[in-house]
C-alpha atoms as a PDB file:
ATOM      1  CA  UNK A   1     -30.219 -12.960 -27.216  1.00  0.00           C
ATOM      2  CA  UNK A   2     -28.064 -15.986 -27.904  1.00  0.00           C
ATOM      3  CA  UNK A   3     -27.768 -19.195 -25.931  1.00  0.00           C
ATOM      4  CA  UNK A   4     -24.272 -18.126 -24.800  1.00  0.00           C
ATOM      5  CA  UNK A   5     -25.623 -15.165 -22.869  1.00  0.00           C
ATOM      6  CA  UNK A   6     -25.015 -15.526 -19.152  1.00  0.00           C
ATOM      7  CA  UNK A   7     -27.534 -14.751 -16.444  1.00  0.00           C
ATOM      8  CA  UNK A   8     -25.617 -11.588 -15.538  1.00  0.00           C
ATOM      9  CA  UNK A   9     -25.708 -10.362 -19.107  1.00  0.00           C
ATOM     10  CA  UNK A  10     -29.392 -11.306 -19.449  1.00  0.00           C
ATOM     11  CA  UNK A  11     -30.352  -9.328 -16.359  1.00  0.00           C
ATOM     12  CA  UNK A  12     -28.475  -6.230 -17.517  1.00  0.00           C
ATOM     13  CA  UNK A  13     -30.711  -3.388 -18.794  1.00  0.00           C
ATOM     14  CA  UNK A  14     -30.779  -2.931 -22.545  1.00  0.00           C
ATOM     15  CA  UNK A  15     -28.619  -0.146 -23.939  1.00  0.00           C
ATOM     16  CA  UNK A  16     -28.899   1.471 -27.310  1.00  0.00           C
ATOM     17  CA  UNK A  17     -25.414   1.861 -28.742  1.00  0.00           C
ATOM     18  CA  UNK A  18     -26.710   2.563 -32.199  1.00  0.00           C
ATOM     19  CA  UNK A  19     -25.358  -0.719 -33.546  1.00  0.00           C
ATOM     20  CA  UNK A  20     -26.864  -4.041 -34.445  1.00  0.00           C
ATOM     21  CA  UNK A  21     -28.696  -5.958 -31.788  1.00  0.00           C
ATOM     22  CA  UNK A  22     -32.147  -7.012 -30.766  1.00  0.00           C
ATOM     23  CA  UNK A  23     -34.282  -4.165 -29.433  1.00  0.00           C
ATOM     24  CA  UNK A  24     -31.284  -1.866 -28.823  1.00  0.00           C
ATOM     25  CA  UNK A  25     -29.252  -4.391 -26.802  1.00  0.00           C
ATOM     26  CA  UNK A  26     -25.476  -4.092 -26.885  1.00  0.00           C
ATOM     27  CA  UNK A  27     -23.521  -6.855 -28.596  1.00  0.00           C
ATOM     28  CA  UNK A  28     -22.670  -9.029 -25.581  1.00  0.00           C
ATOM     29  CA  UNK A  29     -19.947 -11.200 -27.120  1.00  0.00           C
ATOM     30  CA  UNK A  30     -17.505  -8.376 -27.793  1.00  0.00           C
ATOM     31  CA  UNK A  31     -18.042  -7.014 -24.279  1.00  0.00           C
ATOM     32  CA  UNK A  32     -17.245 -10.424 -22.810  1.00  0.00           C
ATOM     33  CA  UNK A  33     -14.083 -10.773 -24.888  1.00  0.00           C
ATOM     34  CA  UNK A  34     -12.934  -7.234 -24.193  1.00  0.00           C
ATOM     35  CA  UNK A  35     -13.592  -7.709 -20.486  1.00  0.00           C
ATOM     36  CA  UNK A  36     -11.525 -10.893 -20.511  1.00  0.00           C
ATOM     37  CA  UNK A  37      -8.612  -9.215 -22.259  1.00  0.00           C
ATOM     38  CA  UNK A  38      -8.741  -6.205 -19.957  1.00  0.00           C
ATOM     39  CA  UNK A  39      -8.790  -8.499 -16.927  1.00  0.00           C
ATOM     40  CA  UNK A  40      -5.689 -10.299 -18.191  1.00  0.00           C
ATOM     41  CA  UNK A  41      -4.001  -6.958 -18.942  1.00  0.00           C
ATOM     42  CA  UNK A  42      -4.823  -5.770 -15.422  1.00  0.00           C
ATOM     43  CA  UNK A  43      -3.285  -8.898 -13.880  1.00  0.00           C
ATOM     44  CA  UNK A  44      -0.156  -8.528 -16.032  1.00  0.00           C
ATOM     45  CA  UNK A  45       0.226  -4.889 -14.973  1.00  0.00           C
ATOM     46  CA  UNK A  46      -0.245  -5.784 -11.304  1.00  0.00           C
ATOM     47  CA  UNK A  47       2.395  -8.499 -11.669  1.00  0.00           C
ATOM     48  CA  UNK A  48       4.819  -6.038 -13.286  1.00  0.00           C
ATOM     49  CA  UNK A  49       4.195  -3.531 -10.500  1.00  0.00           C
ATOM     50  CA  UNK A  50       4.906  -6.331  -8.022  1.00  0.00           C
ATOM     51  CA  UNK A  51       8.232  -7.108  -9.712  1.00  0.00           C
ATOM     52  CA  UNK A  52       9.154  -3.415  -9.616  1.00  0.00           C
ATOM     53  CA  UNK A  53       8.276  -3.296  -5.904  1.00  0.00           C
ATOM     54  CA  UNK A  54      10.497  -6.301  -5.154  1.00  0.00           C
ATOM     55  CA  UNK A  55      13.382  -4.626  -6.978  1.00  0.00           C
ATOM     56  CA  UNK A  56      12.675  -1.335  -5.204  1.00  0.00           C
ATOM     57  CA  UNK A  57      12.567  -2.920  -1.739  1.00  0.00           C
ATOM     58  CA  UNK A  58      15.816  -4.806  -2.381  1.00  0.00           C
ATOM     59  CA  UNK A  59      17.485  -1.654  -3.706  1.00  0.00           C
ATOM     60  CA  UNK A  60      16.397   0.341  -0.653  1.00  0.00           C
ATOM     61  CA  UNK A  61      17.767  -2.316   1.703  1.00  0.00           C
ATOM     62  CA  UNK A  62      21.057  -2.806  -0.142  1.00  0.00           C
ATOM     63  CA  UNK A  63      21.697   0.926  -0.481  1.00  0.00           C
ATOM     64  CA  UNK A  64      20.854   1.390   3.212  1.00  0.00           C
ATOM     65  CA  UNK A  65      23.320  -1.312   4.259  1.00  0.00           C
ATOM     66  CA  UNK A  66      26.055   0.058   1.969  1.00  0.00           C
ATOM     67  CA  UNK A  67      25.526   3.583   3.336  1.00  0.00           C
ATOM     68  CA  UNK A  68      25.528   2.205   6.888  1.00  0.00           C
ATOM     69  CA  UNK A  69      28.845   0.421   6.356  1.00  0.00           C
ATOM     70  CA  UNK A  70      30.348   3.610   4.896  1.00  0.00           C
ATOM     71  CA  UNK A  71      29.056   5.879   7.702  1.00  0.00           C
ATOM     72  CA  UNK A  72      29.237   3.686  10.804  1.00  0.00           C
ATOM     73  CA  UNK A  73      32.868   4.593  11.498  1.00  0.00           C
ATOM     74  CA  UNK A  74      32.227   8.327  11.672  1.00  0.00           C
ATOM     75  CA  UNK A  75      28.882   8.375  13.487  1.00  0.00           C
ATOM     76  CA  UNK A  76      27.384   5.045  14.475  1.00  0.00           C
ATOM     77  CA  UNK A  77      24.184   6.485  15.944  1.00  0.00           C
ATOM     78  CA  UNK A  78      23.374   8.568  12.860  1.00  0.00           C
ATOM     79  CA  UNK A  79      24.250   5.654  10.566  1.00  0.00           C
ATOM     80  CA  UNK A  80      21.981   3.354  12.600  1.00  0.00           C
ATOM     81  CA  UNK A  81      19.071   5.787  12.447  1.00  0.00           C
ATOM     82  CA  UNK A  82      19.472   6.106   8.676  1.00  0.00           C
ATOM     83  CA  UNK A  83      19.615   2.314   8.286  1.00  0.00           C
ATOM     84  CA  UNK A  84      16.482   1.917  10.406  1.00  0.00           C
ATOM     85  CA  UNK A  85      14.749   4.528   8.267  1.00  0.00           C
ATOM     86  CA  UNK A  86      15.708   2.658   5.088  1.00  0.00           C
ATOM     87  CA  UNK A  87      14.572  -0.668   6.574  1.00  0.00           C
ATOM     88  CA  UNK A  88      11.186   0.810   7.501  1.00  0.00           C
ATOM     89  CA  UNK A  89      10.854   2.315   4.024  1.00  0.00           C
ATOM     90  CA  UNK A  90      11.557  -1.123   2.538  1.00  0.00           C
ATOM     91  CA  UNK A  91       8.905  -2.549   4.888  1.00  0.00           C
ATOM     92  CA  UNK A  92       6.399  -0.017   3.534  1.00  0.00           C
ATOM     93  CA  UNK A  93       7.174  -1.155  -0.009  1.00  0.00           C
ATOM     94  CA  UNK A  94       6.804  -4.807   1.038  1.00  0.00           C
ATOM     95  CA  UNK A  95       3.400  -4.080   2.621  1.00  0.00           C
ATOM     96  CA  UNK A  96       2.303  -2.413  -0.617  1.00  0.00           C
ATOM     97  CA  UNK A  97       3.619  -5.443  -2.490  1.00  0.00           C
ATOM     98  CA  UNK A  98       1.400  -7.591  -0.281  1.00  0.00           C
ATOM     99  CA  UNK A  99      -1.631  -5.659  -1.526  1.00  0.00           C
ATOM    100  CA  UNK A 100      -0.584  -6.504  -5.092  1.00  0.00           C
ATOM    101  CA  UNK A 101      -0.212 -10.182  -4.172  1.00  0.00           C
ATOM    102  CA  UNK A 102      -3.646 -10.208  -2.511  1.00  0.00           C
ATOM    103  CA  UNK A 103      -5.141  -8.587  -5.602  1.00  0.00           C
ATOM    104  CA  UNK A 104      -3.571 -11.149  -7.912  1.00  0.00           C
ATOM    105  CA  UNK A 105      -4.650 -14.034  -5.663  1.00  0.00           C
ATOM    106  CA  UNK A 106      -8.138 -12.936  -4.603  1.00  0.00           C
ATOM    107  CA  UNK A 107      -8.988  -9.994  -6.860  1.00  0.00           C
ATOM    108  CA  UNK A 108      -9.897  -8.059  -3.730  1.00  0.00           C
ATOM    109  CA  UNK A 109      -8.420  -5.093  -1.933  1.00  0.00           C
ATOM    110  CA  UNK A 110      -8.234  -5.197   1.828  1.00  0.00           C
ATOM    111  CA  UNK A 111      -7.655  -2.216   4.106  1.00  0.00           C
ATOM    112  CA  UNK A 112      -5.233  -4.020   6.454  1.00  0.00           C
ATOM    113  CA  UNK A 113      -2.047  -3.577   4.396  1.00  0.00           C
ATOM    114  CA  UNK A 114      -2.787   0.110   3.850  1.00  0.00           C
ATOM    115  CA  UNK A 115      -3.302   0.624   7.571  1.00  0.00           C
ATOM    116  CA  UNK A 116      -0.036  -1.196   8.263  1.00  0.00           C
ATOM    117  CA  UNK A 117       1.714   1.055   5.731  1.00  0.00           C
ATOM    118  CA  UNK A 118       0.300   4.104   7.501  1.00  0.00           C
ATOM    119  CA  UNK A 119       1.443   2.816  10.896  1.00  0.00           C
ATOM    120  CA  UNK A 120       4.913   2.007   9.568  1.00  0.00           C
ATOM    121  CA  UNK A 121       5.216   5.408   7.892  1.00  0.00           C
ATOM    122  CA  UNK A 122       4.131   7.181  11.082  1.00  0.00           C
ATOM    123  CA  UNK A 123       6.572   5.179  13.215  1.00  0.00           C
ATOM    124  CA  UNK A 124       9.339   5.847  10.682  1.00  0.00           C
ATOM    125  CA  UNK A 125       8.658   9.593  10.796  1.00  0.00           C
ATOM    126  CA  UNK A 126       8.428   9.536  14.604  1.00  0.00           C
ATOM    127  CA  UNK A 127      11.816   7.838  14.849  1.00  0.00           C
ATOM    128  CA  UNK A 128      13.330  10.336  12.435  1.00  0.00           C
ATOM    129  CA  UNK A 129      11.934  13.268  14.415  1.00  0.00           C
ATOM    130  CA  UNK A 130      13.299  11.956  17.683  1.00  0.00           C
ATOM    131  CA  UNK A 131      16.668  11.167  16.100  1.00  0.00           C
ATOM    132  CA  UNK A 132      16.877  14.622  14.546  1.00  0.00           C
ATOM    133  CA  UNK A 133      16.123  16.197  17.904  1.00  0.00           C
ATOM    134  CA  UNK A 134      18.847  14.108  19.571  1.00  0.00           C
ATOM    135  CA  UNK A 135      21.414  14.616  16.816  1.00  0.00           C
ATOM    136  CA  UNK A 136      20.368  18.064  15.632  1.00  0.00           C
ATOM    137  CA  UNK A 137      22.221  19.975  18.309  1.00  0.00           C
ATOM    138  CA  UNK A 138      20.865  23.449  18.906  1.00  0.00           C
ATOM    139  CA  UNK A 139      17.286  23.918  17.811  1.00  0.00           C
ATOM    140  CA  UNK A 140      15.081  26.902  18.418  1.00  0.00           C
ATOM    141  CA  UNK A 141      12.167  26.685  20.794  1.00  0.00           C
ATOM    142  CA  UNK A 142       9.763  27.015  17.862  1.00  0.00           C
ATOM    143  CA  UNK A 143      11.384  24.102  16.000  1.00  0.00           C
ATOM    144  CA  UNK A 144      11.306  22.034  19.159  1.00  0.00           C
ATOM    145  CA  UNK A 145       7.598  22.758  19.750  1.00  0.00           C
ATOM    146  CA  UNK A 146       6.732  21.945  16.127  1.00  0.00           C
ATOM    147  CA  UNK A 147       8.644  18.665  16.339  1.00  0.00           C
ATOM    148  CA  UNK A 148       6.889  17.856  19.611  1.00  0.00           C
ATOM    149  CA  UNK A 149       3.506  18.644  18.050  1.00  0.00           C
ATOM    150  CA  UNK A 150       4.268  16.485  15.005  1.00  0.00           C
ATOM    151  CA  UNK A 151       5.379  13.635  17.251  1.00  0.00           C
ATOM    152  CA  UNK A 152       2.135  13.931  19.230  1.00  0.00           C
ATOM    153  CA  UNK A 153       0.045  13.823  16.053  1.00  0.00           C
ATOM    154  CA  UNK A 154       1.982  10.757  14.892  1.00  0.00           C
ATOM    155  CA  UNK A 155       1.323   8.976  18.199  1.00  0.00           C
ATOM    156  CA  UNK A 156      -2.409   9.705  17.859  1.00  0.00           C
ATOM    157  CA  UNK A 157      -2.325   8.367  14.291  1.00  0.00           C
ATOM    158  CA  UNK A 158      -0.556   5.160  15.310  1.00  0.00           C
ATOM    159  CA  UNK A 159      -3.014   4.552  18.145  1.00  0.00           C
ATOM    160  CA  UNK A 160      -5.990   5.273  15.841  1.00  0.00           C
ATOM    161  CA  UNK A 161      -4.717   3.028  13.058  1.00  0.00           C
ATOM    162  CA  UNK A 162      -3.941   0.283  15.559  1.00  0.00           C
ATOM    163  CA  UNK A 163      -7.502   0.522  16.890  1.00  0.00           C
ATOM    164  CA  UNK A 164      -8.758   0.189  13.293  1.00  0.00           C
ATOM    165  CA  UNK A 165      -6.708  -2.969  12.813  1.00  0.00           C
ATOM    166  CA  UNK A 166      -8.043  -4.451  16.034  1.00  0.00           C
ATOM    167  CA  UNK A 167     -11.622  -3.590  15.026  1.00  0.00           C
ATOM    168  CA  UNK A 168     -11.114  -5.129  11.571  1.00  0.00           C
ATOM    169  CA  UNK A 169      -9.683  -8.286  13.105  1.00  0.00           C
ATOM    170  CA  UNK A 170     -12.549  -8.571  15.603  1.00  0.00           C
ATOM    171  CA  UNK A 171     -15.193  -8.079  12.915  1.00  0.00           C
ATOM    172  CA  UNK A 172     -13.599 -10.809  10.780  1.00  0.00           C
ATOM    173  CA  UNK A 173     -13.056 -13.206  13.698  1.00  0.00           C
ATOM    174  CA  UNK A 174     -15.917 -12.550  16.159  1.00  0.00           C
ATOM    175  CA  UNK A 175     -15.600 -15.938  17.898  1.00  0.00           C
ATOM    176  CA  UNK A 176     -11.938 -15.318  18.734  1.00  0.00           C
ATOM    177  CA  UNK A 177     -12.346 -11.659  19.744  1.00  0.00           C
END
């Protein structure tokens, strides 16, 4: 091994790749360089995904507002529900964007943003179900029961995910809990 070999590389078990090296060890320098380039490529891709998410969230909000302005004269309640749905969808995209930002900053994934996305998505669907029931007019008893069942499942999900967030917060901040 060379003097440039790090402790991590030195403690790694020897592998026989069939190439040059002492006692079947892999050439460490090319692995280090390749790893560095792949890490940079990963960060660039995450940054590009983040830019796409910003554009997507802005597009969702702008299109929701434009549609709201067009529809508010004919049916204000329906237009408001659709705008709220678009705003919550944009919020989901922003929460996913936050996970990209955390990755770029800390190179770590945290469960909190994903749980918040799940809560937001469940609340969004719950609001759409209730709005559809209010605005849908005549619905069969079967459709009504299915919507009621779905709403109940969504409430259970929101409560469960909220409990997860509280547990995560308490485990990270035990003195404040």
